[in-house]
Amino acid sequence: MKQLFSLILLFSILFSYGQNYPFATAFAGGKVILKDSSELDGQIKWYPSQNDKLSFRTDENKKPVKYTPDEIAGFSSEDLKFVPLHHFTAFADNYALIGTPTKIESTFGQVISEGKFNIYLTSIRGYNAVARTAEDYLNFVFQDSADPEKKLYAYPYLVRMKDKKYEKAKENLYILFKDYPEITEMIKQFKKEGSFLKIIEMIENIDKNKS
């Protein structure tokens, strides 16, 4: 039941990603986790993108301090937890247009699940050349927690692009889940108009059994 609830919550977040976060447009209650594991309680503000720094203040009368993903161990607000993610390729504006992934040096990712496989949700800010406006490109990011290199594998979600580009983006997931044929088969069959949350649920079941 708890897992089902988390999936329903995730589903609602995906359809109004940045707007659904209380801290996306104004300061909201939260805490910053420093690298020594100590915590600072106060107010945070962060628009979900790879370019935005986290603003933190102890109260509304204090001047905000800004943190990059390199400077802290993460932050949280209500039931939402975010951690730094470094050095991975994501699927954003360049990929939707010409099929070239975007190199991300660092950003914050929302923790969706932790265990044998860690799952994060990121939003990559890019320029939509067709609509001529900035756009947020959602990516799920996966990691094998036992991997000493801590490699990150991204996969696009709800990004407007041709099916063949989605098929190309699956290749990294086949590598990551090579020991789990039931997952690779479901990924192989997945179409962009389907529910990727079913795959997330299968991976969470592995986490539950392995953690």
N, C-alpha and C. Protein backbone atom coordinates (compact mmCIF):
# COMPACT_ATOMS: atom_id res chain seq x y z
N MET A 1 0.83 -1.21 0.00
CA MET A 1 0.00 0.00 0.00
C MET A 1 0.86 1.26 0.00
N LYS A 2 1.95 1.22 0.81
CA LYS A 2 2.84 2.37 0.86
C LYS A 2 3.47 2.62 -0.50
N GLN A 3 3.87 1.53 -1.17
CA GLN A 3 4.49 1.64 -2.49
C GLN A 3 3.50 2.21 -3.50
N LEU A 4 2.27 1.75 -3.46
CA LEU A 4 1.25 2.25 -4.37
C LEU A 4 1.02 3.74 -4.14
N PHE A 5 0.99 4.14 -2.88
CA PHE A 5 0.79 5.56 -2.57
C PHE A 5 1.94 6.39 -3.12
N SER A 6 3.17 5.89 -2.97
CA SER A 6 4.33 6.63 -3.46
C SER A 6 4.28 6.79 -4.97
N LEU A 7 3.79 5.77 -5.67
CA LEU A 7 3.68 5.85 -7.13
C LEU A 7 2.61 6.86 -7.54
N ILE A 8 1.51 6.87 -6.83
CA ILE A 8 0.45 7.85 -7.12
C ILE A 8 0.96 9.27 -6.89
N LEU A 9 1.72 9.45 -5.80
CA LEU A 9 2.29 10.76 -5.51
C LEU A 9 3.27 11.16 -6.60
N LEU A 10 4.10 10.22 -7.02
CA LEU A 10 5.06 10.50 -8.08
C LEU A 10 4.34 10.88 -9.37
N PHE A 11 3.29 10.17 -9.68
CA PHE A 11 2.52 10.43 -10.90
C PHE A 11 1.98 11.86 -10.91
N SER A 12 1.49 12.31 -9.74
CA SER A 12 0.95 13.68 -9.66
C SER A 12 2.06 14.71 -9.79
N ILE A 13 3.24 14.40 -9.28
CA ILE A 13 4.37 15.32 -9.37
C ILE A 13 4.81 15.48 -10.82
N LEU A 14 4.82 14.38 -11.56
CA LEU A 14 5.33 14.41 -12.93
C LEU A 14 4.54 15.33 -13.83
N PHE A 15 3.25 15.47 -13.57
CA PHE A 15 2.42 16.26 -14.47
C PHE A 15 2.41 17.74 -14.13
N SER A 16 3.04 18.12 -13.03
CA SER A 16 3.18 19.54 -12.72
C SER A 16 4.50 19.71 -11.98
N TYR A 17 5.56 19.27 -12.63
CA TYR A 17 6.83 19.01 -11.94
C TYR A 17 7.31 20.17 -11.07
N GLY A 18 7.84 21.21 -11.67
CA GLY A 18 8.36 22.30 -10.87
C GLY A 18 7.29 23.02 -10.07
N GLN A 19 6.11 23.16 -10.65
CA GLN A 19 5.04 23.92 -10.01
C GLN A 19 4.51 23.22 -8.76
N ASN A 20 4.70 21.91 -8.68
CA ASN A 20 4.15 21.15 -7.57
C ASN A 20 5.05 21.21 -6.34
N TYR A 21 6.27 21.68 -6.51
CA TYR A 21 7.18 21.81 -5.39
C TYR A 21 6.91 23.13 -4.66
N PRO A 22 6.75 23.10 -3.36
CA PRO A 22 6.43 24.33 -2.64
C PRO A 22 7.53 25.36 -2.70
N PHE A 23 8.77 24.94 -2.95
CA PHE A 23 9.92 25.84 -2.94
C PHE A 23 10.34 26.29 -4.34
N ALA A 24 9.56 25.95 -5.36
CA ALA A 24 9.97 26.27 -6.73
C ALA A 24 9.86 27.75 -7.04
N THR A 25 8.90 28.42 -6.46
CA THR A 25 8.68 29.83 -6.78
C THR A 25 8.76 30.74 -5.56
N ALA A 26 8.81 30.18 -4.36
CA ALA A 26 8.88 30.99 -3.14
C ALA A 26 9.57 30.17 -2.06
N PHE A 27 10.08 30.85 -1.05
CA PHE A 27 10.72 30.14 0.06
C PHE A 27 9.69 29.28 0.80
N ALA A 28 10.13 28.08 1.16
CA ALA A 28 9.28 27.16 1.91
C ALA A 28 10.14 26.47 2.97
N GLY A 29 9.48 25.93 3.98
CA GLY A 29 10.20 25.26 5.05
C GLY A 29 11.00 24.09 4.54
N GLY A 30 12.21 23.93 5.07
CA GLY A 30 13.05 22.82 4.65
C GLY A 30 14.34 22.80 5.42
N LYS A 31 15.20 21.86 5.07
CA LYS A 31 16.50 21.77 5.73
C LYS A 31 17.58 21.43 4.72
N VAL A 32 18.78 21.89 5.03
CA VAL A 32 19.96 21.61 4.22
C VAL A 32 20.83 20.61 4.97
N ILE A 33 21.32 19.61 4.25
CA ILE A 33 22.21 18.61 4.85
C ILE A 33 23.63 18.90 4.38
N LEU A 34 24.49 19.23 5.34
CA LEU A 34 25.87 19.56 5.01
C LEU A 34 26.69 18.29 4.81
N LYS A 35 27.89 18.44 4.29
CA LYS A 35 28.72 17.28 3.97
C LYS A 35 29.16 16.51 5.21
N ASP A 36 29.16 17.16 6.38
CA ASP A 36 29.51 16.45 7.60
C ASP A 36 28.29 15.80 8.25
N SER A 37 27.17 15.76 7.50
CA SER A 37 25.90 15.15 7.93
C SER A 37 25.11 16.00 8.91
N SER A 38 25.62 17.17 9.30
CA SER A 38 24.83 18.06 10.14
C SER A 38 23.73 18.72 9.30
N GLU A 39 22.70 19.20 9.97
CA GLU A 39 21.54 19.75 9.27
C GLU A 39 21.24 21.17 9.71
N LEU A 40 20.79 21.97 8.76
CA LEU A 40 20.39 23.35 9.02
C LEU A 40 18.90 23.48 8.73
N ASP A 41 18.13 23.86 9.72
CA ASP A 41 16.69 24.06 9.53
C ASP A 41 16.41 25.50 9.15
N GLY A 42 15.45 25.68 8.25
CA GLY A 42 15.10 27.04 7.86
C GLY A 42 14.15 27.04 6.68
N GLN A 43 14.47 27.86 5.69
CA GLN A 43 13.64 27.98 4.49
C GLN A 43 14.51 27.82 3.25
N ILE A 44 13.97 27.15 2.24
CA ILE A 44 14.72 26.91 1.01
C ILE A 44 13.91 27.38 -0.20
N LYS A 45 14.65 27.65 -1.27
CA LYS A 45 14.03 27.99 -2.54
C LYS A 45 14.91 27.44 -3.65
N TRP A 46 14.31 26.69 -4.55
CA TRP A 46 15.08 26.12 -5.66
C TRP A 46 14.13 25.76 -6.79
N TYR A 47 14.42 26.30 -7.99
CA TYR A 47 13.65 25.89 -9.16
C TYR A 47 14.34 24.68 -9.78
N PRO A 48 13.63 23.58 -9.98
CA PRO A 48 14.26 22.35 -10.46
C PRO A 48 14.90 22.50 -11.83
N SER A 49 16.20 22.67 -11.85
CA SER A 49 16.96 22.69 -13.09
C SER A 49 18.42 22.51 -12.76
N GLN A 50 19.23 22.20 -13.76
CA GLN A 50 20.65 21.98 -13.55
C GLN A 50 21.42 23.26 -13.34
N ASN A 51 20.80 24.40 -13.58
CA ASN A 51 21.51 25.68 -13.49
C ASN A 51 21.21 26.47 -12.22
N ASP A 52 20.19 26.09 -11.49
CA ASP A 52 19.76 26.88 -10.34
C ASP A 52 20.46 26.43 -9.06
N LYS A 53 20.96 27.39 -8.29
CA LYS A 53 21.54 27.09 -6.98
C LYS A 53 20.43 27.05 -5.93
N LEU A 54 20.66 26.29 -4.88
CA LEU A 54 19.71 26.23 -3.77
C LEU A 54 19.90 27.44 -2.87
N SER A 55 18.83 28.19 -2.63
CA SER A 55 18.88 29.32 -1.70
C SER A 55 18.37 28.86 -0.34
N PHE A 56 19.09 29.21 0.70
CA PHE A 56 18.71 28.82 2.06
C PHE A 56 18.82 30.02 3.01
N ARG A 57 17.85 30.13 3.89
CA ARG A 57 17.90 31.14 4.94
C ARG A 57 17.28 30.56 6.20
N THR A 58 17.76 31.00 7.35
CA THR A 58 17.23 30.49 8.61
C THR A 58 15.84 31.05 8.89
N ASP A 59 15.57 32.27 8.43
CA ASP A 59 14.22 32.86 8.53
C ASP A 59 14.12 33.98 7.51
N GLU A 60 12.92 34.58 7.40
CA GLU A 60 12.67 35.55 6.34
C GLU A 60 13.46 36.85 6.52
N ASN A 61 14.05 37.06 7.69
CA ASN A 61 14.81 38.28 7.94
C ASN A 61 16.29 38.13 7.61
N LYS A 62 16.71 36.94 7.26
CA LYS A 62 18.10 36.68 6.98
C LYS A 62 18.38 36.70 5.48
N LYS A 63 19.60 37.07 5.12
CA LYS A 63 20.00 37.05 3.72
C LYS A 63 20.25 35.60 3.30
N PRO A 64 19.69 35.17 2.19
CA PRO A 64 19.88 33.78 1.75
C PRO A 64 21.32 33.45 1.40
N VAL A 65 21.70 32.23 1.69
CA VAL A 65 22.98 31.68 1.27
C VAL A 65 22.70 30.71 0.13
N LYS A 66 23.52 30.74 -0.90
CA LYS A 66 23.29 29.87 -2.05
C LYS A 66 24.30 28.73 -2.08
N TYR A 67 23.78 27.52 -2.37
CA TYR A 67 24.61 26.33 -2.40
C TYR A 67 24.52 25.65 -3.77
N THR A 68 25.64 25.18 -4.25
CA THR A 68 25.67 24.35 -5.45
C THR A 68 25.62 22.88 -5.01
N PRO A 69 25.36 21.96 -5.93
CA PRO A 69 25.37 20.53 -5.58
C PRO A 69 26.72 20.03 -5.07
N ASP A 70 27.80 20.75 -5.38
CA ASP A 70 29.13 20.35 -4.92
C ASP A 70 29.37 20.72 -3.46
N GLU A 71 28.53 21.59 -2.92
CA GLU A 71 28.82 22.15 -1.60
C GLU A 71 28.05 21.51 -0.46
N ILE A 72 27.00 20.76 -0.75
CA ILE A 72 26.19 20.15 0.30
C ILE A 72 25.88 18.69 -0.04
N ALA A 73 25.37 17.97 0.96
CA ALA A 73 25.03 16.56 0.77
C ALA A 73 23.58 16.36 0.34
N GLY A 74 22.79 17.45 0.37
CA GLY A 74 21.40 17.35 -0.05
C GLY A 74 20.51 18.33 0.69
N PHE A 75 19.22 18.23 0.43
CA PHE A 75 18.25 19.05 1.15
C PHE A 75 16.89 18.35 1.11
N SER A 76 15.99 18.81 1.94
CA SER A 76 14.66 18.19 1.99
C SER A 76 13.62 19.26 2.32
N SER A 77 12.39 18.95 1.94
CA SER A 77 11.25 19.79 2.26
C SER A 77 10.02 18.91 2.31
N GLU A 78 9.30 18.95 3.44
CA GLU A 78 8.18 18.05 3.66
C GLU A 78 8.66 16.62 3.46
N ASP A 79 8.03 15.84 2.58
CA ASP A 79 8.45 14.45 2.36
C ASP A 79 9.38 14.30 1.16
N LEU A 80 9.85 15.40 0.60
CA LEU A 80 10.69 15.38 -0.58
C LEU A 80 12.15 15.48 -0.19
N LYS A 81 12.98 14.59 -0.75
CA LYS A 81 14.41 14.57 -0.46
C LYS A 81 15.19 14.69 -1.76
N PHE A 82 16.24 15.51 -1.75
CA PHE A 82 17.07 15.73 -2.93
C PHE A 82 18.54 15.53 -2.58
N VAL A 83 19.29 14.96 -3.52
CA VAL A 83 20.72 14.75 -3.33
C VAL A 83 21.46 15.23 -4.57
N PRO A 84 22.75 15.52 -4.44
CA PRO A 84 23.54 15.93 -5.62
C PRO A 84 23.79 14.75 -6.55
N LEU A 85 23.73 15.01 -7.83
CA LEU A 85 24.08 14.04 -8.87
C LEU A 85 25.15 14.67 -9.75
N HIS A 86 26.20 13.90 -10.06
CA HIS A 86 27.33 14.46 -10.79
C HIS A 86 27.68 13.62 -12.03
N HIS A 87 28.09 14.31 -13.07
CA HIS A 87 28.72 13.70 -14.24
C HIS A 87 27.89 12.59 -14.89
N PHE A 88 26.84 13.00 -15.57
CA PHE A 88 26.04 12.05 -16.34
C PHE A 88 25.49 12.75 -17.57
N THR A 89 24.98 11.96 -18.50
CA THR A 89 24.35 12.54 -19.69
C THR A 89 22.84 12.40 -19.57
N ALA A 90 22.14 13.46 -19.93
CA ALA A 90 20.68 13.49 -19.83
C ALA A 90 20.09 13.74 -21.22
N PHE A 91 18.78 13.54 -21.30
CA PHE A 91 18.08 13.68 -22.57
C PHE A 91 17.19 14.92 -22.51
N ALA A 92 17.62 15.96 -23.19
CA ALA A 92 16.93 17.25 -23.10
C ALA A 92 16.75 17.85 -24.48
N ASP A 93 16.91 19.17 -24.59
CA ASP A 93 16.59 19.86 -25.84
C ASP A 93 17.43 19.38 -27.03
N ASN A 94 18.74 19.23 -26.83
CA ASN A 94 19.59 18.77 -27.93
C ASN A 94 19.22 17.37 -28.41
N TYR A 95 18.82 16.53 -27.46
CA TYR A 95 18.46 15.17 -27.84
C TYR A 95 17.14 15.14 -28.59
N ALA A 96 16.16 15.90 -28.10
CA ALA A 96 14.86 15.94 -28.76
C ALA A 96 14.98 16.49 -30.19
N LEU A 97 15.94 17.41 -30.39
CA LEU A 97 16.07 18.06 -31.69
C LEU A 97 16.99 17.27 -32.64
N ILE A 98 18.20 16.93 -32.15
CA ILE A 98 19.18 16.33 -33.05
C ILE A 98 19.73 14.99 -32.56
N GLY A 99 19.24 14.51 -31.42
CA GLY A 99 19.65 13.19 -30.94
C GLY A 99 20.96 13.17 -30.17
N THR A 100 21.39 14.32 -29.64
CA THR A 100 22.64 14.41 -28.89
C THR A 100 22.35 14.61 -27.40
N PRO A 101 22.79 13.69 -26.54
CA PRO A 101 22.56 13.86 -25.09
C PRO A 101 23.29 15.09 -24.55
N THR A 102 22.81 15.59 -23.44
CA THR A 102 23.40 16.75 -22.78
C THR A 102 24.25 16.31 -21.60
N LYS A 103 25.49 16.78 -21.54
CA LYS A 103 26.36 16.45 -20.42
C LYS A 103 26.03 17.33 -19.22
N ILE A 104 25.74 16.69 -18.10
CA ILE A 104 25.41 17.41 -16.88
C ILE A 104 26.57 17.24 -15.89
N GLU A 105 27.14 18.35 -15.47
CA GLU A 105 28.23 18.29 -14.50
C GLU A 105 27.69 18.02 -13.09
N SER A 106 26.64 18.73 -12.73
CA SER A 106 26.04 18.51 -11.40
C SER A 106 24.67 19.14 -11.35
N THR A 107 23.79 18.51 -10.58
CA THR A 107 22.45 19.04 -10.32
C THR A 107 21.90 18.31 -9.11
N PHE A 108 20.74 18.72 -8.65
CA PHE A 108 20.07 18.00 -7.58
C PHE A 108 19.01 17.07 -8.18
N GLY A 109 18.89 15.87 -7.63
CA GLY A 109 17.88 14.93 -8.08
C GLY A 109 16.97 14.53 -6.94
N GLN A 110 15.68 14.42 -7.22
CA GLN A 110 14.73 13.97 -6.20
C GLN A 110 14.89 12.48 -6.00
N VAL A 111 15.00 12.05 -4.76
CA VAL A 111 15.13 10.63 -4.45
C VAL A 111 13.76 9.97 -4.58
N ILE A 112 13.65 9.01 -5.50
CA ILE A 112 12.42 8.26 -5.70
C ILE A 112 12.48 6.93 -4.96
N SER A 113 13.64 6.27 -5.02
CA SER A 113 13.81 4.98 -4.35
C SER A 113 15.30 4.76 -4.09
N GLU A 114 15.61 4.08 -2.99
CA GLU A 114 16.99 3.74 -2.66
C GLU A 114 17.07 2.27 -2.26
N GLY A 115 18.11 1.60 -2.69
CA GLY A 115 18.28 0.19 -2.38
C GLY A 115 19.33 -0.40 -3.29
N LYS A 116 19.08 -1.60 -3.81
CA LYS A 116 19.99 -2.19 -4.78
C LYS A 116 20.20 -1.23 -5.94
N PHE A 117 19.10 -0.65 -6.43
CA PHE A 117 19.17 0.40 -7.44
C PHE A 117 18.58 1.68 -6.87
N ASN A 118 19.32 2.76 -7.00
CA ASN A 118 18.82 4.08 -6.61
C ASN A 118 18.13 4.71 -7.81
N ILE A 119 17.01 5.36 -7.56
CA ILE A 119 16.26 6.01 -8.63
C ILE A 119 16.03 7.48 -8.25
N TYR A 120 16.35 8.37 -9.17
CA TYR A 120 16.18 9.79 -8.95
C TYR A 120 15.36 10.39 -10.10
N LEU A 121 14.80 11.56 -9.84
CA LEU A 121 14.08 12.30 -10.86
C LEU A 121 14.72 13.66 -11.01
N THR A 122 15.09 14.02 -12.23
CA THR A 122 15.70 15.32 -12.48
C THR A 122 14.92 16.08 -13.54
N SER A 123 15.14 17.37 -13.57
CA SER A 123 14.58 18.21 -14.63
C SER A 123 15.71 19.01 -15.24
N ILE A 124 15.88 18.88 -16.53
CA ILE A 124 16.95 19.57 -17.24
C ILE A 124 16.35 20.72 -18.04
N ARG A 125 16.80 21.92 -17.74
CA ARG A 125 16.28 23.11 -18.41
C ARG A 125 16.95 23.27 -19.77
N GLY A 126 16.15 23.45 -20.80
CA GLY A 126 16.69 23.62 -22.14
C GLY A 126 15.81 24.54 -22.97
N TYR A 127 16.22 24.74 -24.21
CA TYR A 127 15.50 25.63 -25.11
C TYR A 127 14.78 24.82 -26.18
N ASN A 128 13.47 24.99 -26.25
CA ASN A 128 12.67 24.34 -27.27
C ASN A 128 12.67 25.22 -28.51
N ALA A 129 13.44 24.78 -29.52
CA ALA A 129 13.60 25.61 -30.72
C ALA A 129 12.31 25.71 -31.54
N VAL A 130 11.44 24.73 -31.40
CA VAL A 130 10.17 24.77 -32.14
C VAL A 130 9.21 25.77 -31.52
N ALA A 131 9.05 25.68 -30.19
CA ALA A 131 8.15 26.58 -29.48
C ALA A 131 8.82 27.92 -29.17
N ARG A 132 10.15 27.97 -29.31
CA ARG A 132 10.93 29.17 -29.03
C ARG A 132 10.74 29.64 -27.59
N THR A 133 10.88 28.70 -26.69
CA THR A 133 10.74 29.02 -25.27
C THR A 133 11.54 28.04 -24.44
N ALA A 134 11.86 28.40 -23.22
CA ALA A 134 12.56 27.48 -22.32
C ALA A 134 11.61 26.36 -21.91
N GLU A 135 12.16 25.17 -21.71
CA GLU A 135 11.34 24.01 -21.37
C GLU A 135 12.10 23.12 -20.39
N ASP A 136 11.34 22.43 -19.53
CA ASP A 136 11.92 21.49 -18.58
C ASP A 136 11.79 20.06 -19.13
N TYR A 137 12.89 19.33 -19.14
CA TYR A 137 12.92 17.98 -19.68
C TYR A 137 13.16 16.99 -18.54
N LEU A 138 12.14 16.18 -18.25
CA LEU A 138 12.25 15.22 -17.16
C LEU A 138 13.12 14.02 -17.53
N ASN A 139 13.95 13.61 -16.59
CA ASN A 139 14.76 12.41 -16.74
C ASN A 139 14.71 11.61 -15.45
N PHE A 140 14.44 10.31 -15.57
CA PHE A 140 14.72 9.41 -14.46
C PHE A 140 16.21 9.08 -14.53
N VAL A 141 16.86 9.01 -13.38
CA VAL A 141 18.28 8.67 -13.33
C VAL A 141 18.44 7.46 -12.41
N PHE A 142 19.14 6.44 -12.92
CA PHE A 142 19.30 5.18 -12.20
C PHE A 142 20.77 4.96 -11.83
N GLN A 143 20.96 4.25 -10.73
CA GLN A 143 22.32 3.96 -10.27
C GLN A 143 22.34 2.63 -9.53
N ASP A 144 23.31 1.80 -9.86
CA ASP A 144 23.55 0.58 -9.10
C ASP A 144 24.34 0.97 -7.86
N SER A 145 23.75 0.81 -6.68
CA SER A 145 24.40 1.27 -5.45
C SER A 145 25.69 0.52 -5.15
N ALA A 146 25.89 -0.66 -5.77
CA ALA A 146 27.11 -1.44 -5.55
C ALA A 146 28.23 -1.07 -6.52
N ASP A 147 27.93 -0.22 -7.48
CA ASP A 147 28.92 0.16 -8.49
C ASP A 147 29.96 1.09 -7.85
N PRO A 148 31.23 0.69 -7.81
CA PRO A 148 32.25 1.55 -7.19
C PRO A 148 32.44 2.87 -7.92
N GLU A 149 32.09 2.91 -9.21
CA GLU A 149 32.22 4.14 -9.98
C GLU A 149 31.00 5.05 -9.84
N LYS A 150 29.92 4.53 -9.25
CA LYS A 150 28.69 5.30 -9.03
C LYS A 150 28.16 5.91 -10.32
N LYS A 151 28.21 5.15 -11.41
CA LYS A 151 27.75 5.66 -12.70
C LYS A 151 26.24 5.90 -12.66
N LEU A 152 25.81 6.92 -13.39
CA LEU A 152 24.41 7.30 -13.47
C LEU A 152 23.90 7.09 -14.89
N TYR A 153 22.70 6.53 -15.00
CA TYR A 153 22.09 6.24 -16.30
C TYR A 153 20.74 6.94 -16.38
N ALA A 154 20.62 7.86 -17.30
CA ALA A 154 19.38 8.64 -17.42
C ALA A 154 18.46 8.06 -18.48
N TYR A 155 17.17 8.35 -18.33
CA TYR A 155 16.19 7.96 -19.33
C TYR A 155 15.12 9.05 -19.38
N PRO A 156 14.74 9.52 -20.58
CA PRO A 156 13.78 10.62 -20.70
C PRO A 156 12.36 10.19 -20.33
N TYR A 157 11.61 11.13 -19.81
CA TYR A 157 10.22 10.84 -19.46
C TYR A 157 9.33 12.01 -19.85
N LEU A 158 8.27 11.71 -20.59
CA LEU A 158 7.31 12.72 -21.04
C LEU A 158 7.97 13.82 -21.87
N VAL A 159 9.03 13.45 -22.59
CA VAL A 159 9.70 14.40 -23.48
C VAL A 159 9.13 14.23 -24.89
N ARG A 160 8.76 15.33 -25.53
CA ARG A 160 8.17 15.26 -26.86
C ARG A 160 9.27 15.03 -27.91
N MET A 161 9.35 13.80 -28.40
CA MET A 161 10.30 13.48 -29.45
C MET A 161 9.89 12.17 -30.11
N LYS A 162 10.56 11.81 -31.21
CA LYS A 162 10.17 10.64 -31.97
C LYS A 162 10.49 9.35 -31.24
N ASP A 163 9.72 8.32 -31.56
CA ASP A 163 9.87 7.02 -30.90
C ASP A 163 11.29 6.47 -31.04
N LYS A 164 11.92 6.66 -32.19
CA LYS A 164 13.24 6.07 -32.41
C LYS A 164 14.28 6.65 -31.45
N LYS A 165 14.07 7.88 -31.02
CA LYS A 165 15.01 8.47 -30.05
C LYS A 165 14.80 7.87 -28.66
N TYR A 166 13.55 7.55 -28.34
CA TYR A 166 13.29 6.83 -27.09
C TYR A 166 13.93 5.45 -27.13
N GLU A 167 13.85 4.79 -28.27
CA GLU A 167 14.45 3.46 -28.39
C GLU A 167 15.97 3.53 -28.22
N LYS A 168 16.58 4.54 -28.78
CA LYS A 168 18.03 4.72 -28.65
C LYS A 168 18.41 4.98 -27.19
N ALA A 169 17.58 5.72 -26.48
CA ALA A 169 17.88 6.07 -25.09
C ALA A 169 17.81 4.85 -24.16
N LYS A 170 17.16 3.78 -24.61
CA LYS A 170 17.04 2.58 -23.78
C LYS A 170 18.35 1.81 -23.63
N GLU A 171 19.31 2.04 -24.51
CA GLU A 171 20.50 1.20 -24.57
C GLU A 171 21.26 1.16 -23.25
N ASN A 172 21.39 2.30 -22.58
CA ASN A 172 22.09 2.32 -21.29
C ASN A 172 21.36 1.50 -20.23
N LEU A 173 20.03 1.49 -20.29
CA LEU A 173 19.27 0.73 -19.30
C LEU A 173 19.46 -0.76 -19.49
N TYR A 174 19.64 -1.20 -20.72
CA TYR A 174 19.91 -2.62 -20.96
C TYR A 174 21.22 -3.04 -20.29
N ILE A 175 22.19 -2.14 -20.30
CA ILE A 175 23.46 -2.43 -19.64
C ILE A 175 23.27 -2.50 -18.12
N LEU A 176 22.56 -1.53 -17.58
CA LEU A 176 22.39 -1.45 -16.13
C LEU A 176 21.63 -2.65 -15.58
N PHE A 177 20.59 -3.08 -16.29
CA PHE A 177 19.73 -4.15 -15.78
C PHE A 177 19.95 -5.48 -16.50
N LYS A 178 21.18 -5.71 -16.97
CA LYS A 178 21.48 -6.91 -17.74
C LYS A 178 21.25 -8.20 -16.96
N ASP A 179 21.32 -8.15 -15.65
CA ASP A 179 21.09 -9.34 -14.81
C ASP A 179 19.63 -9.54 -14.44
N TYR A 180 18.76 -8.69 -14.98
CA TYR A 180 17.33 -8.76 -14.67
C TYR A 180 16.54 -8.77 -15.98
N PRO A 181 16.46 -9.94 -16.62
CA PRO A 181 15.81 -10.03 -17.94
C PRO A 181 14.35 -9.60 -17.93
N GLU A 182 13.65 -9.77 -16.80
CA GLU A 182 12.25 -9.36 -16.75
C GLU A 182 12.11 -7.84 -16.86
N ILE A 183 13.11 -7.13 -16.34
CA ILE A 183 13.08 -5.67 -16.43
C ILE A 183 13.50 -5.21 -17.83
N THR A 184 14.57 -5.80 -18.37
CA THR A 184 15.01 -5.40 -19.70
C THR A 184 13.94 -5.69 -20.75
N GLU A 185 13.19 -6.78 -20.56
CA GLU A 185 12.13 -7.10 -21.50
C GLU A 185 11.00 -6.08 -21.42
N MET A 186 10.68 -5.65 -20.20
CA MET A 186 9.63 -4.64 -20.05
C MET A 186 10.08 -3.30 -20.64
N ILE A 187 11.36 -2.97 -20.44
CA ILE A 187 11.90 -1.75 -21.03
C ILE A 187 11.86 -1.83 -22.55
N LYS A 188 12.21 -2.98 -23.08
CA LYS A 188 12.20 -3.17 -24.54
C LYS A 188 10.81 -2.95 -25.12
N GLN A 189 9.78 -3.40 -24.41
CA GLN A 189 8.41 -3.29 -24.88
C GLN A 189 7.80 -1.91 -24.62
N PHE A 190 8.43 -1.13 -23.76
CA PHE A 190 7.85 0.14 -23.36
C PHE A 190 7.80 1.14 -24.52
N LYS A 191 6.66 1.81 -24.66
CA LYS A 191 6.50 2.91 -25.60
C LYS A 191 6.28 4.19 -24.82
N LYS A 192 6.66 5.31 -25.41
CA LYS A 192 6.66 6.57 -24.67
C LYS A 192 5.28 6.97 -24.16
N GLU A 193 4.22 6.48 -24.81
CA GLU A 193 2.88 6.82 -24.36
C GLU A 193 2.40 5.89 -23.24
N GLY A 194 3.21 4.89 -22.90
CA GLY A 194 2.83 3.95 -21.84
C GLY A 194 3.17 4.49 -20.46
N SER A 195 3.02 3.62 -19.45
CA SER A 195 3.28 4.03 -18.07
C SER A 195 4.64 3.50 -17.64
N PHE A 196 5.63 4.39 -17.57
CA PHE A 196 6.96 4.00 -17.13
C PHE A 196 6.98 3.68 -15.64
N LEU A 197 5.93 4.09 -14.94
CA LEU A 197 5.87 3.84 -13.50
C LEU A 197 5.79 2.35 -13.18
N LYS A 198 5.31 1.54 -14.11
CA LYS A 198 5.29 0.09 -13.91
C LYS A 198 6.71 -0.46 -13.82
N ILE A 199 7.60 0.10 -14.62
CA ILE A 199 9.00 -0.30 -14.57
C ILE A 199 9.63 0.16 -13.26
N ILE A 200 9.31 1.38 -12.86
CA ILE A 200 9.80 1.89 -11.57
C ILE A 200 9.37 0.96 -10.44
N GLU A 201 8.13 0.50 -10.50
CA GLU A 201 7.61 -0.38 -9.46
C GLU A 201 8.39 -1.70 -9.43
N MET A 202 8.72 -2.26 -10.58
CA MET A 202 9.49 -3.50 -10.63
C MET A 202 10.87 -3.31 -10.01
N ILE A 203 11.50 -2.18 -10.29
CA ILE A 203 12.82 -1.91 -9.73
C ILE A 203 12.73 -1.71 -8.23
N GLU A 204 11.67 -1.06 -7.78
CA GLU A 204 11.46 -0.90 -6.33
C GLU A 204 11.29 -2.24 -5.65
N ASN A 205 10.68 -3.19 -6.31
CA ASN A 205 10.52 -4.54 -5.73
C ASN A 205 11.88 -5.21 -5.55
N ILE A 206 12.80 -4.98 -6.48
CA ILE A 206 14.15 -5.50 -6.33
C ILE A 206 14.81 -4.85 -5.12
N ASP A 207 14.66 -3.54 -5.00
CA ASP A 207 15.20 -2.82 -3.86
C ASP A 207 14.67 -3.39 -2.55
N LYS A 208 13.40 -3.67 -2.53
CA LYS A 208 12.77 -4.17 -1.32
C LYS A 208 13.33 -5.54 -0.94
N ASN A 209 13.60 -6.38 -1.93
CA ASN A 209 14.10 -7.72 -1.66
C ASN A 209 15.59 -7.75 -1.35
N LYS A 210 16.32 -6.74 -1.89
CA LYS A 210 17.76 -6.76 -1.72
C LYS A 210 18.24 -5.90 -0.55
N SER A 211 17.44 -4.92 -0.13
CA SER A 211 17.90 -4.02 0.92
C SER A 211 17.78 -4.66 2.29
